[in-house]
């Protein structure tokens, strides 16, 4: 019985580590894919990250990813940032990272103001 519980914990930890790796790749791909400004390689990376995510993610994460795709196609930066924050919040929840609130406390910003040349 002890062997079963120990083995179960190891499998669960391994699954969580793999899921976290996929989530990290997805988050990185999100920052390069928005509308027609994205290159072919950026869109390909985004598609692969989404498809891989469908293997490991929960239904809640799927719903957020679909909404995120819609905002990316419309090139709606504000909607994309808002939905990206909600998607990452859902991923954190699935990984067991506790948060003080159910909703993201702030919006992610993908773009920064350019630094003036001196």
C-alpha atoms as a PDB file:
ATOM      1  CA  UNK A   1       0.000   0.000   0.000  1.00  0.00           C
ATOM      2  CA  UNK A   2       2.832   2.399   0.831  1.00  0.00           C
ATOM      3  CA  UNK A   3       4.429   1.674  -2.545  1.00  0.00           C
ATOM      4  CA  UNK A   4       1.190   2.575  -4.342  1.00  0.00           C
ATOM      5  CA  UNK A   5       0.827   5.933  -2.565  1.00  0.00           C
ATOM      6  CA  UNK A   6       4.493   6.779  -3.116  1.00  0.00           C
ATOM      7  CA  UNK A   7       4.285   5.841  -6.775  1.00  0.00           C
ATOM      8  CA  UNK A   8       1.063   7.839  -7.156  1.00  0.00           C
ATOM      9  CA  UNK A   9       2.720  10.962  -5.699  1.00  0.00           C
ATOM     10  CA  UNK A  10       5.684  10.549  -8.058  1.00  0.00           C
ATOM     11  CA  UNK A  11       3.410  10.208 -11.112  1.00  0.00           C
ATOM     12  CA  UNK A  12       1.386  13.244 -10.043  1.00  0.00           C
ATOM     13  CA  UNK A  13       4.542  15.339  -9.540  1.00  0.00           C
ATOM     14  CA  UNK A  14       5.838  14.240 -12.950  1.00  0.00           C
ATOM     15  CA  UNK A  15       2.538  15.149 -14.642  1.00  0.00           C
ATOM     16  CA  UNK A  16       2.528  18.550 -12.939  1.00  0.00           C
ATOM     17  CA  UNK A  17       6.116  19.246 -14.073  1.00  0.00           C
ATOM     18  CA  UNK A  18       5.302  18.326 -17.688  1.00  0.00           C
ATOM     19  CA  UNK A  19       2.140  20.440 -17.608  1.00  0.00           C
ATOM     20  CA  UNK A  20       4.096  23.389 -16.245  1.00  0.00           C
ATOM     21  CA  UNK A  21       6.622  23.043 -19.084  1.00  0.00           C
ATOM     22  CA  UNK A  22       3.798  23.136 -21.654  1.00  0.00           C
ATOM     23  CA  UNK A  23       2.232  26.134 -19.941  1.00  0.00           C
ATOM     24  CA  UNK A  24       5.544  27.998 -20.008  1.00  0.00           C
ATOM     25  CA  UNK A  25       5.948  27.361 -23.738  1.00  0.00           C
ATOM     26  CA  UNK A  26       2.365  28.488 -24.336  1.00  0.00           C
ATOM     27  CA  UNK A  27       2.881  31.701 -22.341  1.00  0.00           C
ATOM     28  CA  UNK A  28       6.041  32.490 -24.303  1.00  0.00           C
ATOM     29  CA  UNK A  29       4.265  31.855 -27.607  1.00  0.00           C
ATOM     30  CA  UNK A  30       1.431  34.194 -26.550  1.00  0.00           C
ATOM     31  CA  UNK A  31       3.758  37.170 -26.485  1.00  0.00           C
ATOM     32  CA  UNK A  32       4.755  36.756 -30.126  1.00  0.00           C
ATOM     33  CA  UNK A  33       1.346  36.096 -31.687  1.00  0.00           C
ATOM     34  CA  UNK A  34      -1.055  38.937 -32.249  1.00  0.00           C
ATOM     35  CA  UNK A  35      -2.857  39.604 -35.502  1.00  0.00           C
ATOM     36  CA  UNK A  36      -1.051  39.962 -38.794  1.00  0.00           C
ATOM     37  CA  UNK A  37       2.100  41.407 -37.161  1.00  0.00           C
ATOM     38  CA  UNK A  38       3.139  37.871 -36.227  1.00  0.00           C
ATOM     39  CA  UNK A  39       5.516  36.091 -38.578  1.00  0.00           C
ATOM     40  CA  UNK A  40       4.847  32.639 -39.986  1.00  0.00           C
ATOM     41  CA  UNK A  41       7.199  31.099 -37.411  1.00  0.00           C
ATOM     42  CA  UNK A  42       5.449  32.970 -34.577  1.00  0.00           C
ATOM     43  CA  UNK A  43       2.028  31.735 -35.718  1.00  0.00           C
ATOM     44  CA  UNK A  44       3.393  28.193 -36.109  1.00  0.00           C
ATOM     45  CA  UNK A  45       4.874  28.265 -32.600  1.00  0.00           C
ATOM     46  CA  UNK A  46       1.524  29.517 -31.264  1.00  0.00           C
ATOM     47  CA  UNK A  47      -0.377  26.734 -33.050  1.00  0.00           C
ATOM     48  CA  UNK A  48       1.968  24.031 -31.759  1.00  0.00           C
ATOM     49  CA  UNK A  49       1.759  25.428 -28.216  1.00  0.00           C
ATOM     50  CA  UNK A  50      -2.072  25.455 -28.386  1.00  0.00           C
ATOM     51  CA  UNK A  51      -2.227  21.918 -29.748  1.00  0.00           C
ATOM     52  CA  UNK A  52       0.186  20.639 -27.116  1.00  0.00           C
ATOM     53  CA  UNK A  53      -1.787  22.444 -24.432  1.00  0.00           C
ATOM     54  CA  UNK A  54      -4.927  20.585 -25.488  1.00  0.00           C
ATOM     55  CA  UNK A  55      -3.197  17.366 -24.424  1.00  0.00           C
ATOM     56  CA  UNK A  56      -2.574  18.462 -20.845  1.00  0.00           C
ATOM     57  CA  UNK A  57      -4.881  21.362 -20.012  1.00  0.00           C
ATOM     58  CA  UNK A  58      -8.239  21.384 -18.281  1.00  0.00           C
ATOM     59  CA  UNK A  59     -11.570  22.392 -19.800  1.00  0.00           C
ATOM     60  CA  UNK A  60     -11.294  25.786 -18.090  1.00  0.00           C
ATOM     61  CA  UNK A  61      -7.944  26.442 -19.744  1.00  0.00           C
ATOM     62  CA  UNK A  62      -9.376  25.337 -23.133  1.00  0.00           C
ATOM     63  CA  UNK A  63     -12.171  27.914 -22.851  1.00  0.00           C
ATOM     64  CA  UNK A  64      -9.686  30.678 -22.096  1.00  0.00           C
ATOM     65  CA  UNK A  65      -7.423  29.631 -24.977  1.00  0.00           C
ATOM     66  CA  UNK A  66     -10.335  29.752 -27.422  1.00  0.00           C
ATOM     67  CA  UNK A  67     -11.234  33.268 -26.283  1.00  0.00           C
ATOM     68  CA  UNK A  68      -7.568  34.245 -26.502  1.00  0.00           C
ATOM     69  CA  UNK A  69      -7.447  32.983 -30.098  1.00  0.00           C
ATOM     70  CA  UNK A  70     -10.439  35.137 -30.997  1.00  0.00           C
ATOM     71  CA  UNK A  71      -8.784  38.265 -29.584  1.00  0.00           C
ATOM     72  CA  UNK A  72      -5.529  37.428 -31.407  1.00  0.00           C
ATOM     73  CA  UNK A  73      -7.344  37.092 -34.735  1.00  0.00           C
ATOM     74  CA  UNK A  74      -9.049  40.463 -34.236  1.00  0.00           C
ATOM     75  CA  UNK A  75      -5.750  42.036 -33.064  1.00  0.00           C
ATOM     76  CA  UNK A  76      -7.616  43.411 -30.035  1.00  0.00           C
ATOM     77  CA  UNK A  77      -4.694  44.177 -27.717  1.00  0.00           C
ATOM     78  CA  UNK A  78      -6.755  45.134 -24.645  1.00  0.00           C
ATOM     79  CA  UNK A  79      -8.987  42.067 -24.929  1.00  0.00           C
ATOM     80  CA  UNK A  80      -5.973  39.870 -25.590  1.00  0.00           C
ATOM     81  CA  UNK A  81      -4.160  41.169 -22.489  1.00  0.00           C
ATOM     82  CA  UNK A  82      -7.248  40.753 -20.310  1.00  0.00           C
ATOM     83  CA  UNK A  83      -7.879  37.205 -21.543  1.00  0.00           C
ATOM     84  CA  UNK A  84      -4.188  36.297 -21.295  1.00  0.00           C
ATOM     85  CA  UNK A  85      -4.243  37.290 -17.611  1.00  0.00           C
ATOM     86  CA  UNK A  86      -7.355  35.135 -17.081  1.00  0.00           C
ATOM     87  CA  UNK A  87      -5.736  32.211 -18.948  1.00  0.00           C
ATOM     88  CA  UNK A  88      -2.562  32.356 -16.889  1.00  0.00           C
ATOM     89  CA  UNK A  89      -4.673  32.643 -13.732  1.00  0.00           C
ATOM     90  CA  UNK A  90      -6.522  29.445 -14.721  1.00  0.00           C
ATOM     91  CA  UNK A  91      -3.208  27.712 -15.400  1.00  0.00           C
ATOM     92  CA  UNK A  92      -1.908  28.724 -11.968  1.00  0.00           C
ATOM     93  CA  UNK A  93      -5.053  27.341 -10.392  1.00  0.00           C
ATOM     94  CA  UNK A  94      -4.690  24.042 -12.246  1.00  0.00           C
ATOM     95  CA  UNK A  95      -1.055  23.728 -11.156  1.00  0.00           C
ATOM     96  CA  UNK A  96      -2.148  24.157  -7.549  1.00  0.00           C
ATOM     97  CA  UNK A  97      -0.625  27.601  -7.039  1.00  0.00           C
ATOM     98  CA  UNK A  98      -2.862  29.278  -4.510  1.00  0.00           C
ATOM     99  CA  UNK A  99      -4.016  32.802  -5.137  1.00  0.00           C
ATOM    100  CA  UNK A 100      -5.723  35.223  -2.766  1.00  0.00           C
ATOM    101  CA  UNK A 101      -8.487  35.992  -5.283  1.00  0.00           C
ATOM    102  CA  UNK A 102     -10.324  34.046  -7.947  1.00  0.00           C
ATOM    103  CA  UNK A 103      -9.864  36.749 -10.575  1.00  0.00           C
ATOM    104  CA  UNK A 104      -6.520  38.154 -11.738  1.00  0.00           C
ATOM    105  CA  UNK A 105      -5.769  41.294  -9.732  1.00  0.00           C
ATOM    106  CA  UNK A 106      -4.283  43.115 -12.719  1.00  0.00           C
ATOM    107  CA  UNK A 107      -4.063  42.983 -16.461  1.00  0.00           C
ATOM    108  CA  UNK A 108      -0.922  41.823 -18.218  1.00  0.00           C
ATOM    109  CA  UNK A 109       0.726  44.349 -20.484  1.00  0.00           C
ATOM    110  CA  UNK A 110       2.349  42.970 -23.607  1.00  0.00           C
ATOM    111  CA  UNK A 111       3.673  46.248 -24.948  1.00  0.00           C
ATOM    112  CA  UNK A 112       5.799  48.886 -23.281  1.00  0.00           C
ATOM    113  CA  UNK A 113       6.261  52.469 -24.358  1.00  0.00           C
ATOM    114  CA  UNK A 114       9.359  52.964 -26.487  1.00  0.00           C
ATOM    115  CA  UNK A 115      12.390  54.390 -24.724  1.00  0.00           C
ATOM    116  CA  UNK A 116      13.250  57.813 -26.117  1.00  0.00           C
ATOM    117  CA  UNK A 117      16.618  57.983 -27.828  1.00  0.00           C
ATOM    118  CA  UNK A 118      19.119  60.221 -26.111  1.00  0.00           C
END
